[in-house]
PDB file of all heavy atoms in Angstrom:
ATOM      1  N   SER A   1     -10.742   5.069  -4.407  1.00  0.00           N
ATOM      2  CA  SER A   1     -11.921   4.982  -3.551  1.00  0.00           C
ATOM      3  C   SER A   1     -11.507   4.940  -2.092  1.00  0.00           C
ATOM      4  O   SER A   1     -10.328   4.757  -1.753  1.00  0.00           O
ATOM      5  CB  SER A   1     -12.716   3.722  -3.889  1.00  0.00           C
ATOM      6  OG  SER A   1     -11.977   2.563  -3.541  1.00  0.00           O
ATOM      7  N   SER A   2     -12.472   5.104  -1.200  1.00  0.00           N
ATOM      8  CA  SER A   2     -12.182   5.050   0.232  1.00  0.00           C
ATOM      9  C   SER A   2     -11.647   3.678   0.634  1.00  0.00           C
ATOM     10  O   SER A   2     -10.806   3.566   1.538  1.00  0.00           O
ATOM     11  CB  SER A   2     -13.443   5.382   1.032  1.00  0.00           C
ATOM     12  OG  SER A   2     -14.495   4.491   0.711  1.00  0.00           O
ATOM     13  N   ASP A   3     -12.141   2.613  -0.024  1.00  0.00           N
ATOM     14  CA  ASP A   3     -11.647   1.257   0.269  1.00  0.00           C
ATOM     15  C   ASP A   3     -10.168   1.135  -0.062  1.00  0.00           C
ATOM     16  O   ASP A   3      -9.400   0.524   0.695  1.00  0.00           O
ATOM     17  CB  ASP A   3     -12.443   0.223  -0.522  1.00  0.00           C
ATOM     18  CG  ASP A   3     -13.854   0.056  -0.004  1.00  0.00           C
ATOM     19  OD1 ASP A   3     -14.099   0.341   1.175  1.00  0.00           O
ATOM     20  OD2 ASP A   3     -14.733  -0.368  -0.795  1.00  0.00           O
ATOM     21  N   VAL A   4      -9.753   1.702  -1.186  1.00  0.00           N
ATOM     22  CA  VAL A   4      -8.352   1.631  -1.590  1.00  0.00           C
ATOM     23  C   VAL A   4      -7.478   2.460  -0.646  1.00  0.00           C
ATOM     24  O   VAL A   4      -6.391   2.034  -0.233  1.00  0.00           O
ATOM     25  CB  VAL A   4      -8.181   2.102  -3.050  1.00  0.00           C
ATOM     26  CG1 VAL A   4      -6.712   2.124  -3.446  1.00  0.00           C
ATOM     27  CG2 VAL A   4      -8.962   1.193  -3.997  1.00  0.00           C
ATOM     28  N   LYS A   5      -7.961   3.646  -0.283  1.00  0.00           N
ATOM     29  CA  LYS A   5      -7.200   4.492   0.652  1.00  0.00           C
ATOM     30  C   LYS A   5      -7.048   3.793   2.002  1.00  0.00           C
ATOM     31  O   LYS A   5      -6.003   3.921   2.657  1.00  0.00           O
ATOM     32  CB  LYS A   5      -7.918   5.827   0.827  1.00  0.00           C
ATOM     33  CG  LYS A   5      -7.854   6.727  -0.406  1.00  0.00           C
ATOM     34  CD  LYS A   5      -8.617   8.033  -0.166  1.00  0.00           C
ATOM     35  CE  LYS A   5      -8.569   8.939  -1.396  1.00  0.00           C
ATOM     36  NZ  LYS A   5      -9.355  10.180  -1.209  1.00  0.00           N
ATOM     37  N   GLU A   6      -8.081   3.055   2.408  1.00  0.00           N
ATOM     38  CA  GLU A   6      -8.011   2.314   3.677  1.00  0.00           C
ATOM     39  C   GLU A   6      -6.881   1.290   3.627  1.00  0.00           C
ATOM     40  O   GLU A   6      -6.164   1.090   4.617  1.00  0.00           O
ATOM     41  CB  GLU A   6      -9.340   1.619   3.938  1.00  0.00           C
ATOM     42  CG  GLU A   6      -9.364   0.772   5.203  1.00  0.00           C
ATOM     43  CD  GLU A   6     -10.598  -0.090   5.329  1.00  0.00           C
ATOM     44  OE1 GLU A   6     -11.530   0.083   4.519  1.00  0.00           O
ATOM     45  OE2 GLU A   6     -10.617  -0.953   6.225  1.00  0.00           O
ATOM     46  N   ILE A   7      -6.707   0.648   2.477  1.00  0.00           N
ATOM     47  CA  ILE A   7      -5.636  -0.338   2.331  1.00  0.00           C
ATOM     48  C   ILE A   7      -4.272   0.330   2.407  1.00  0.00           C
ATOM     49  O   ILE A   7      -3.356  -0.165   3.068  1.00  0.00           O
ATOM     50  CB  ILE A   7      -5.807  -1.110   1.016  1.00  0.00           C
ATOM     51  CG1 ILE A   7      -7.056  -2.004   1.096  1.00  0.00           C
ATOM     52  CG2 ILE A   7      -4.572  -1.954   0.697  1.00  0.00           C
ATOM     53  CD1 ILE A   7      -7.408  -2.696  -0.190  1.00  0.00           C
ATOM     54  N   PHE A   8      -4.110   1.469   1.740  1.00  0.00           N
ATOM     55  CA  PHE A   8      -2.837   2.187   1.779  1.00  0.00           C
ATOM     56  C   PHE A   8      -2.466   2.618   3.193  1.00  0.00           C
ATOM     57  O   PHE A   8      -1.298   2.685   3.547  1.00  0.00           O
ATOM     58  CB  PHE A   8      -2.878   3.417   0.867  1.00  0.00           C
ATOM     59  CG  PHE A   8      -2.901   3.091  -0.608  1.00  0.00           C
ATOM     60  CD1 PHE A   8      -3.382   4.019  -1.535  1.00  0.00           C
ATOM     61  CD2 PHE A   8      -2.452   1.872  -1.076  1.00  0.00           C
ATOM     62  CE1 PHE A   8      -3.400   3.726  -2.889  1.00  0.00           C
ATOM     63  CE2 PHE A   8      -2.475   1.559  -2.434  1.00  0.00           C
ATOM     64  CZ  PHE A   8      -2.950   2.490  -3.343  1.00  0.00           C
ATOM     65  N   LYS A   9      -3.495   2.915   4.020  1.00  0.00           N
ATOM     66  CA  LYS A   9      -3.242   3.391   5.383  1.00  0.00           C
ATOM     67  C   LYS A   9      -3.146   2.255   6.400  1.00  0.00           C
ATOM     68  O   LYS A   9      -2.790   2.498   7.563  1.00  0.00           O
ATOM     69  CB  LYS A   9      -4.359   4.352   5.798  1.00  0.00           C
ATOM     70  CG  LYS A   9      -4.397   5.651   5.003  1.00  0.00           C
ATOM     71  CD  LYS A   9      -5.583   6.511   5.420  1.00  0.00           C
ATOM     72  CE  LYS A   9      -5.667   7.789   4.599  1.00  0.00           C
ATOM     73  NZ  LYS A   9      -6.868   8.590   4.965  1.00  0.00           N
ATOM     74  N   ALA A  10      -3.500   1.035   5.990  1.00  0.00           N
ATOM     75  CA  ALA A  10      -3.500  -0.085   6.919  1.00  0.00           C
ATOM     76  C   ALA A  10      -2.097  -0.326   7.483  1.00  0.00           C
ATOM     77  O   ALA A  10      -1.090  -0.167   6.791  1.00  0.00           O
ATOM     78  CB  ALA A  10      -3.997  -1.350   6.214  1.00  0.00           C
ATOM     79  N   THR A  11      -2.038  -0.742   8.738  1.00  0.00           N
ATOM     80  CA  THR A  11      -0.754  -1.015   9.381  1.00  0.00           C
ATOM     81  C   THR A  11       0.036  -2.051   8.621  1.00  0.00           C
ATOM     82  O   THR A  11       1.260  -1.939   8.464  1.00  0.00           O
ATOM     83  CB  THR A  11      -0.990  -1.500  10.832  1.00  0.00           C
ATOM     84  OG1 THR A  11      -1.771  -0.536  11.528  1.00  0.00           O
ATOM     85  CG2 THR A  11       0.317  -1.706  11.556  1.00  0.00           C
ATOM     86  N   GLU A  12      -0.652  -3.087   8.121  1.00  0.00           N
ATOM     87  CA  GLU A  12       0.039  -4.147   7.382  1.00  0.00           C
ATOM     88  C   GLU A  12       0.708  -3.614   6.122  1.00  0.00           C
ATOM     89  O   GLU A  12       1.720  -4.152   5.675  1.00  0.00           O
ATOM     90  CB  GLU A  12      -0.945  -5.258   6.998  1.00  0.00           C
ATOM     91  CG  GLU A  12      -1.573  -5.972   8.194  1.00  0.00           C
ATOM     92  CD  GLU A  12      -2.918  -5.368   8.583  1.00  0.00           C
ATOM     93  OE1 GLU A  12      -3.135  -4.165   8.338  1.00  0.00           O
ATOM     94  OE2 GLU A  12      -3.754  -6.099   9.117  1.00  0.00           O
ATOM     95  N   CYS A  13       0.129  -2.563   5.539  1.00  0.00           N
ATOM     96  CA  CYS A  13       0.686  -1.988   4.311  1.00  0.00           C
ATOM     97  C   CYS A  13       1.842  -1.040   4.631  1.00  0.00           C
ATOM     98  O   CYS A  13       2.878  -1.059   3.977  1.00  0.00           O
ATOM     99  CB  CYS A  13      -0.404  -1.240   3.542  1.00  0.00           C
ATOM    100  SG  CYS A  13       0.122  -0.550   1.968  1.00  0.00           S
ATOM    101  N   VAL A  14       1.659  -0.225   5.646  1.00  0.00           N
ATOM    102  CA  VAL A  14       2.686   0.764   6.011  1.00  0.00           C
ATOM    103  C   VAL A  14       3.938   0.093   6.553  1.00  0.00           C
ATOM    104  O   VAL A  14       5.071   0.505   6.246  1.00  0.00           O
ATOM    105  CB  VAL A  14       2.112   1.760   7.047  1.00  0.00           C
ATOM    106  CG1 VAL A  14       3.208   2.728   7.501  1.00  0.00           C
ATOM    107  CG2 VAL A  14       0.937   2.523   6.461  1.00  0.00           C
ATOM    108  N   LEU A  15       3.736  -0.972   7.344  1.00  0.00           N
ATOM    109  CA  LEU A  15       4.869  -1.627   8.013  1.00  0.00           C
ATOM    110  C   LEU A  15       5.176  -2.987   7.383  1.00  0.00           C
ATOM    111  O   LEU A  15       5.215  -4.006   8.067  1.00  0.00           O
ATOM    112  CB  LEU A  15       4.561  -1.794   9.506  1.00  0.00           C
ATOM    113  CG  LEU A  15       4.269  -0.505  10.286  1.00  0.00           C
ATOM    114  CD1 LEU A  15       3.927  -0.837  11.725  1.00  0.00           C
ATOM    115  CD2 LEU A  15       5.458   0.449  10.227  1.00  0.00           C
ATOM    116  N   VAL A  16       5.389  -3.013   6.066  1.00  0.00           N
ATOM    117  CA  VAL A  16       5.739  -4.275   5.415  1.00  0.00           C
ATOM    118  C   VAL A  16       7.099  -4.735   5.909  1.00  0.00           C
ATOM    119  O   VAL A  16       8.003  -3.928   6.168  1.00  0.00           O
ATOM    120  CB  VAL A  16       5.732  -4.152   3.877  1.00  0.00           C
ATOM    121  CG1 VAL A  16       4.346  -3.916   3.363  1.00  0.00           C
ATOM    122  CG2 VAL A  16       6.692  -3.077   3.403  1.00  0.00           C
ATOM    123  N   GLY A  17       7.248  -6.048   6.010  1.00  0.00           N
ATOM    124  CA  GLY A  17       8.506  -6.591   6.496  1.00  0.00           C
ATOM    125  C   GLY A  17       8.866  -7.867   5.782  1.00  0.00           C
ATOM    126  O   GLY A  17       8.271  -8.234   4.760  1.00  0.00           O
ATOM    127  N   GLU A  18       9.819  -8.570   6.337  1.00  0.00           N
ATOM    128  CA  GLU A  18      10.355  -9.776   5.716  1.00  0.00           C
ATOM    129  C   GLU A  18       9.296 -10.853   5.519  1.00  0.00           C
ATOM    130  O   GLU A  18       9.286 -11.567   4.521  1.00  0.00           O
ATOM    131  CB  GLU A  18      11.489 -10.321   6.577  1.00  0.00           C
ATOM    132  CG  GLU A  18      12.161 -11.571   6.011  1.00  0.00           C
ATOM    133  CD  GLU A  18      13.252 -12.106   6.908  1.00  0.00           C
ATOM    134  OE1 GLU A  18      13.519 -11.479   7.959  1.00  0.00           O
ATOM    135  OE2 GLU A  18      13.825 -13.155   6.571  1.00  0.00           O
ATOM    136  N   LYS A  19       8.360 -10.964   6.479  1.00  0.00           N
ATOM    137  CA  LYS A  19       7.369 -12.040   6.430  1.00  0.00           C
ATOM    138  C   LYS A  19       5.986 -11.567   5.985  1.00  0.00           C
ATOM    139  O   LYS A  19       5.028 -12.321   6.060  1.00  0.00           O
ATOM    140  CB  LYS A  19       7.280 -12.695   7.804  1.00  0.00           C
ATOM    141  CG  LYS A  19       8.580 -13.374   8.234  1.00  0.00           C
ATOM    142  CD  LYS A  19       8.423 -14.081   9.564  1.00  0.00           C
ATOM    143  CE  LYS A  19       9.705 -14.768   9.980  1.00  0.00           C
ATOM    144  NZ  LYS A  19       9.573 -15.464  11.285  1.00  0.00           N
ATOM    145  N   SER A  20       5.889 -10.341   5.511  1.00  0.00           N
ATOM    146  CA  SER A  20       4.589  -9.828   5.052  1.00  0.00           C
ATOM    147  C   SER A  20       4.128 -10.585   3.811  1.00  0.00           C
ATOM    148  O   SER A  20       4.936 -10.880   2.928  1.00  0.00           O
ATOM    149  CB  SER A  20       4.694  -8.334   4.724  1.00  0.00           C
ATOM    150  OG  SER A  20       4.992  -7.586   5.865  1.00  0.00           O
ATOM    151  N   PRO A  21       2.835 -10.892   3.707  1.00  0.00           N
ATOM    152  CA  PRO A  21       2.323 -11.492   2.461  1.00  0.00           C
ATOM    153  C   PRO A  21       2.569 -10.570   1.274  1.00  0.00           C
ATOM    154  O   PRO A  21       2.661  -9.343   1.417  1.00  0.00           O
ATOM    155  CB  PRO A  21       0.827 -11.635   2.744  1.00  0.00           C
ATOM    156  CG  PRO A  21       0.699 -11.659   4.238  1.00  0.00           C
ATOM    157  CD  PRO A  21       1.791 -10.764   4.738  1.00  0.00           C
ATOM    158  N   SER A  22       2.682 -11.174   0.101  1.00  0.00           N
ATOM    159  CA  SER A  22       2.980 -10.398  -1.113  1.00  0.00           C
ATOM    160  C   SER A  22       1.956  -9.295  -1.351  1.00  0.00           C
ATOM    161  O   SER A  22       2.291  -8.232  -1.888  1.00  0.00           O
ATOM    162  CB  SER A  22       3.036 -11.332  -2.326  1.00  0.00           C
ATOM    163  OG  SER A  22       4.121 -12.211  -2.231  1.00  0.00           O
ATOM    164  N   PHE A  23       0.695  -9.552  -0.964  1.00  0.00           N
ATOM    165  CA  PHE A  23      -0.348  -8.549  -1.185  1.00  0.00           C
ATOM    166  C   PHE A  23       0.052  -7.213  -0.591  1.00  0.00           C
ATOM    167  O   PHE A  23      -0.090  -6.164  -1.227  1.00  0.00           O
ATOM    168  CB  PHE A  23      -1.673  -9.012  -0.564  1.00  0.00           C
ATOM    169  CG  PHE A  23      -2.751  -7.960  -0.580  1.00  0.00           C
ATOM    170  CD1 PHE A  23      -3.587  -7.840  -1.679  1.00  0.00           C
ATOM    171  CD2 PHE A  23      -2.903  -7.064   0.464  1.00  0.00           C
ATOM    172  CE1 PHE A  23      -4.580  -6.852  -1.714  1.00  0.00           C
ATOM    173  CE2 PHE A  23      -3.879  -6.086   0.451  1.00  0.00           C
ATOM    174  CZ  PHE A  23      -4.713  -5.983  -0.651  1.00  0.00           C
ATOM    175  N   TRP A  24       0.570  -7.233   0.645  1.00  0.00           N
ATOM    176  CA  TRP A  24       0.879  -5.978   1.320  1.00  0.00           C
ATOM    177  C   TRP A  24       2.113  -5.303   0.735  1.00  0.00           C
ATOM    178  O   TRP A  24       2.198  -4.073   0.700  1.00  0.00           O
ATOM    179  CB  TRP A  24       1.047  -6.211   2.817  1.00  0.00           C
ATOM    180  CG  TRP A  24      -0.240  -6.618   3.472  1.00  0.00           C
ATOM    181  CD1 TRP A  24      -0.529  -7.828   4.025  1.00  0.00           C
ATOM    182  CD2 TRP A  24      -1.411  -5.811   3.614  1.00  0.00           C
ATOM    183  NE1 TRP A  24      -1.818  -7.824   4.515  1.00  0.00           N
ATOM    184  CE2 TRP A  24      -2.389  -6.608   4.278  1.00  0.00           C
ATOM    185  CE3 TRP A  24      -1.735  -4.497   3.251  1.00  0.00           C
ATOM    186  CZ2 TRP A  24      -3.646  -6.120   4.573  1.00  0.00           C
ATOM    187  CZ3 TRP A  24      -2.997  -4.018   3.554  1.00  0.00           C
ATOM    188  CH2 TRP A  24      -3.937  -4.826   4.214  1.00  0.00           C
ATOM    189  N   VAL A  25       3.047  -6.100   0.250  1.00  0.00           N
ATOM    190  CA  VAL A  25       4.222  -5.518  -0.412  1.00  0.00           C
ATOM    191  C   VAL A  25       3.796  -4.798  -1.689  1.00  0.00           C
ATOM    192  O   VAL A  25       4.215  -3.668  -1.963  1.00  0.00           O
ATOM    193  CB  VAL A  25       5.265  -6.607  -0.718  1.00  0.00           C
ATOM    194  CG1 VAL A  25       6.485  -6.005  -1.425  1.00  0.00           C
ATOM    195  CG2 VAL A  25       5.706  -7.321   0.558  1.00  0.00           C
ATOM    196  N   ILE A  26       2.948  -5.455  -2.478  1.00  0.00           N
ATOM    197  CA  ILE A  26       2.476  -4.843  -3.731  1.00  0.00           C
ATOM    198  C   ILE A  26       1.626  -3.612  -3.421  1.00  0.00           C
ATOM    199  O   ILE A  26       1.721  -2.585  -4.100  1.00  0.00           O
ATOM    200  CB  ILE A  26       1.682  -5.869  -4.569  1.00  0.00           C
ATOM    201  CG1 ILE A  26       2.559  -7.082  -4.899  1.00  0.00           C
ATOM    202  CG2 ILE A  26       1.193  -5.225  -5.858  1.00  0.00           C
ATOM    203  CD1 ILE A  26       1.807  -8.230  -5.550  1.00  0.00           C
ATOM    204  N   ALA A  27       0.763  -3.718  -2.399  1.00  0.00           N
ATOM    205  CA  ALA A  27      -0.068  -2.565  -2.015  1.00  0.00           C
ATOM    206  C   ALA A  27       0.804  -1.378  -1.622  1.00  0.00           C
ATOM    207  O   ALA A  27       0.529  -0.234  -2.000  1.00  0.00           O
ATOM    208  CB  ALA A  27      -0.983  -2.955  -0.865  1.00  0.00           C
ATOM    209  N   ASN A  28       1.872  -1.623  -0.877  1.00  0.00           N
ATOM    210  CA  ASN A  28       2.789  -0.557  -0.491  1.00  0.00           C
ATOM    211  C   ASN A  28       3.439   0.048  -1.733  1.00  0.00           C
ATOM    212  O   ASN A  28       3.576   1.280  -1.835  1.00  0.00           O
ATOM    213  CB  ASN A  28       3.858  -1.114   0.469  1.00  0.00           C
ATOM    214  CG  ASN A  28       4.729  -0.015   1.060  1.00  0.00           C
ATOM    215  OD1 ASN A  28       5.370   0.738   0.348  1.00  0.00           O
ATOM    216  ND2 ASN A  28       4.770   0.034   2.382  1.00  0.00           N
ATOM    217  N   ALA A  29       3.836  -0.805  -2.677  1.00  0.00           N
ATOM    218  CA  ALA A  29       4.479  -0.317  -3.908  1.00  0.00           C
ATOM    219  C   ALA A  29       3.539   0.552  -4.726  1.00  0.00           C
ATOM    220  O   ALA A  29       3.939   1.583  -5.278  1.00  0.00           O
ATOM    221  CB  ALA A  29       4.967  -1.508  -4.734  1.00  0.00           C
ATOM    222  N   ILE A  30       2.264   0.151  -4.805  1.00  0.00           N
ATOM    223  CA  ILE A  30       1.285   0.955  -5.546  1.00  0.00           C
ATOM    224  C   ILE A  30       0.978   2.240  -4.773  1.00  0.00           C
ATOM    225  O   ILE A  30       0.752   3.300  -5.374  1.00  0.00           O
ATOM    226  CB  ILE A  30       0.010   0.136  -5.811  1.00  0.00           C
ATOM    227  CG1 ILE A  30       0.316  -0.971  -6.818  1.00  0.00           C
ATOM    228  CG2 ILE A  30      -1.119   1.017  -6.312  1.00  0.00           C
ATOM    229  CD1 ILE A  30      -0.850  -1.818  -7.225  1.00  0.00           C
ATOM    230  N   GLY A  31       1.018   2.168  -3.447  1.00  0.00           N
ATOM    231  CA  GLY A  31       0.868   3.378  -2.645  1.00  0.00           C
ATOM    232  C   GLY A  31       1.990   4.373  -2.926  1.00  0.00           C
ATOM    233  O   GLY A  31       1.756   5.590  -3.005  1.00  0.00           O
ATOM    234  N   MET A  32       3.211   3.866  -3.110  1.00  0.00           N
ATOM    235  CA  MET A  32       4.340   4.727  -3.471  1.00  0.00           C
ATOM    236  C   MET A  32       4.101   5.377  -4.833  1.00  0.00           C
ATOM    237  O   MET A  32       4.377   6.567  -5.031  1.00  0.00           O
ATOM    238  CB  MET A  32       5.637   3.904  -3.498  1.00  0.00           C
ATOM    239  CG  MET A  32       6.084   3.398  -2.123  1.00  0.00           C
ATOM    240  SD  MET A  32       7.350   2.097  -2.219  1.00  0.00           S
ATOM    241  CE  MET A  32       8.666   2.958  -3.064  1.00  0.00           C
ATOM    242  N   PHE A  33       3.569   4.583  -5.761  1.00  0.00           N
ATOM    243  CA  PHE A  33       3.258   5.093  -7.096  1.00  0.00           C
ATOM    244  C   PHE A  33       2.227   6.221  -6.999  1.00  0.00           C
ATOM    245  O   PHE A  33       2.368   7.276  -7.618  1.00  0.00           O
ATOM    246  CB  PHE A  33       2.740   3.950  -7.967  1.00  0.00           C
ATOM    247  CG  PHE A  33       2.416   4.324  -9.394  1.00  0.00           C
ATOM    248  CD1 PHE A  33       3.328   4.125 -10.402  1.00  0.00           C
ATOM    249  CD2 PHE A  33       1.191   4.912  -9.717  1.00  0.00           C
ATOM    250  CE1 PHE A  33       3.040   4.467 -11.722  1.00  0.00           C
ATOM    251  CE2 PHE A  33       0.891   5.272 -11.024  1.00  0.00           C
ATOM    252  CZ  PHE A  33       1.825   5.042 -12.028  1.00  0.00           C
ATOM    253  N   HIS A  34       1.175   5.982  -6.211  1.00  0.00           N
ATOM    254  CA  HIS A  34       0.116   6.981  -6.062  1.00  0.00           C
ATOM    255  C   HIS A  34       0.635   8.253  -5.391  1.00  0.00           C
ATOM    256  O   HIS A  34       0.274   9.370  -5.777  1.00  0.00           O
ATOM    257  CB  HIS A  34      -1.042   6.393  -5.255  1.00  0.00           C
ATOM    258  CG  HIS A  34      -2.129   7.377  -4.978  1.00  0.00           C
ATOM    259  ND1 HIS A  34      -2.241   8.041  -3.761  1.00  0.00           N
ATOM    260  CD2 HIS A  34      -3.148   7.849  -5.753  1.00  0.00           C
ATOM    261  CE1 HIS A  34      -3.279   8.847  -3.801  1.00  0.00           C
ATOM    262  NE2 HIS A  34      -3.856   8.751  -4.986  1.00  0.00           N
ATOM    263  N   GLN A  35       1.480   8.076  -4.381  1.00  0.00           N
ATOM    264  CA  GLN A  35       2.033   9.242  -3.690  1.00  0.00           C
ATOM    265  C   GLN A  35       2.877  10.089  -4.639  1.00  0.00           C
ATOM    266  O   GLN A  35       2.885  11.319  -4.546  1.00  0.00           O
ATOM    267  CB  GLN A  35       2.871   8.777  -2.508  1.00  0.00           C
ATOM    268  CG  GLN A  35       3.292   9.896  -1.568  1.00  0.00           C
ATOM    269  CD  GLN A  35       3.956   9.365  -0.319  1.00  0.00           C
ATOM    270  OE1 GLN A  35       4.361   8.211  -0.249  1.00  0.00           O
ATOM    271  NE2 GLN A  35       4.068  10.208   0.687  1.00  0.00           N
ATOM    272  N   LYS A  36       3.568   9.464  -5.567  1.00  0.00           N
ATOM    273  CA  LYS A  36       4.438  10.167  -6.504  1.00  0.00           C
ATOM    274  C   LYS A  36       3.651  10.853  -7.616  1.00  0.00           C
ATOM    275  O   LYS A  36       3.922  12.005  -7.978  1.00  0.00           O
ATOM    276  CB  LYS A  36       5.463   9.196  -7.102  1.00  0.00           C
ATOM    277  CG  LYS A  36       6.402   9.823  -8.122  1.00  0.00           C
ATOM    278  CD  LYS A  36       7.380   8.793  -8.647  1.00  0.00           C
ATOM    279  CE  LYS A  36       8.301   9.387  -9.716  1.00  0.00           C
ATOM    280  NZ  LYS A  36       9.251   8.360 -10.242  1.00  0.00           N
ATOM    281  N   HIS A  37       2.649  10.151  -8.163  1.00  0.00           N
ATOM    282  CA  HIS A  37       1.956  10.641  -9.350  1.00  0.00           C
ATOM    283  C   HIS A  37       0.549  11.178  -9.069  1.00  0.00           C
ATOM    284  O   HIS A  37      -0.031  11.846  -9.936  1.00  0.00           O
ATOM    285  CB  HIS A  37       1.850   9.532 -10.402  1.00  0.00           C
ATOM    286  CG  HIS A  37       3.187   9.001 -10.847  1.00  0.00           C
ATOM    287  ND1 HIS A  37       4.028   9.693 -11.683  1.00  0.00           N
ATOM    288  CD2 HIS A  37       3.811   7.825 -10.554  1.00  0.00           C
ATOM    289  CE1 HIS A  37       5.123   8.971 -11.913  1.00  0.00           C
ATOM    290  NE2 HIS A  37       5.020   7.843 -11.225  1.00  0.00           N
ATOM    291  N   GLY A  38      -0.002  10.869  -7.909  1.00  0.00           N
ATOM    292  CA  GLY A  38      -1.352  11.327  -7.591  1.00  0.00           C
ATOM    293  C   GLY A  38      -2.444  10.513  -8.252  1.00  0.00           C
ATOM    294  O   GLY A  38      -3.626  10.855  -8.146  1.00  0.00           O
ATOM    295  N   VAL A  39      -2.084   9.447  -8.940  1.00  0.00           N
ATOM    296  CA  VAL A  39      -3.047   8.566  -9.605  1.00  0.00           C
ATOM    297  C   VAL A  39      -2.605   7.124  -9.419  1.00  0.00           C
ATOM    298  O   VAL A  39      -1.456   6.846  -9.065  1.00  0.00           O
ATOM    299  CB  VAL A  39      -3.172   8.881 -11.112  1.00  0.00           C
ATOM    300  CG1 VAL A  39      -3.813  10.225 -11.353  1.00  0.00           C
ATOM    301  CG2 VAL A  39      -1.817   8.794 -11.805  1.00  0.00           C
ATOM    302  N   LEU A  40      -3.515   6.195  -9.678  1.00  0.00           N
ATOM    303  CA  LEU A  40      -3.184   4.780  -9.674  1.00  0.00           C
ATOM    304  C   LEU A  40      -2.652   4.374 -11.054  1.00  0.00           C
ATOM    305  O   LEU A  40      -2.807   5.117 -12.021  1.00  0.00           O
ATOM    306  CB  LEU A  40      -4.430   3.959  -9.333  1.00  0.00           C
ATOM    307  CG  LEU A  40      -5.029   4.181  -7.933  1.00  0.00           C
ATOM    308  CD1 LEU A  40      -6.365   3.451  -7.825  1.00  0.00           C
ATOM    309  CD2 LEU A  40      -4.067   3.715  -6.860  1.00  0.00           C
TER     310      LEU A  40
END
């Protein structure tokens, strides 16, 4: 959905770092999955 795509594009998701909350790390990882397979 557009809401999910917004999360994948969010700065917090794209630029995860040492102190990022776990939510953004997991969101980035699922974004990697989606980019590879085209699905969630």
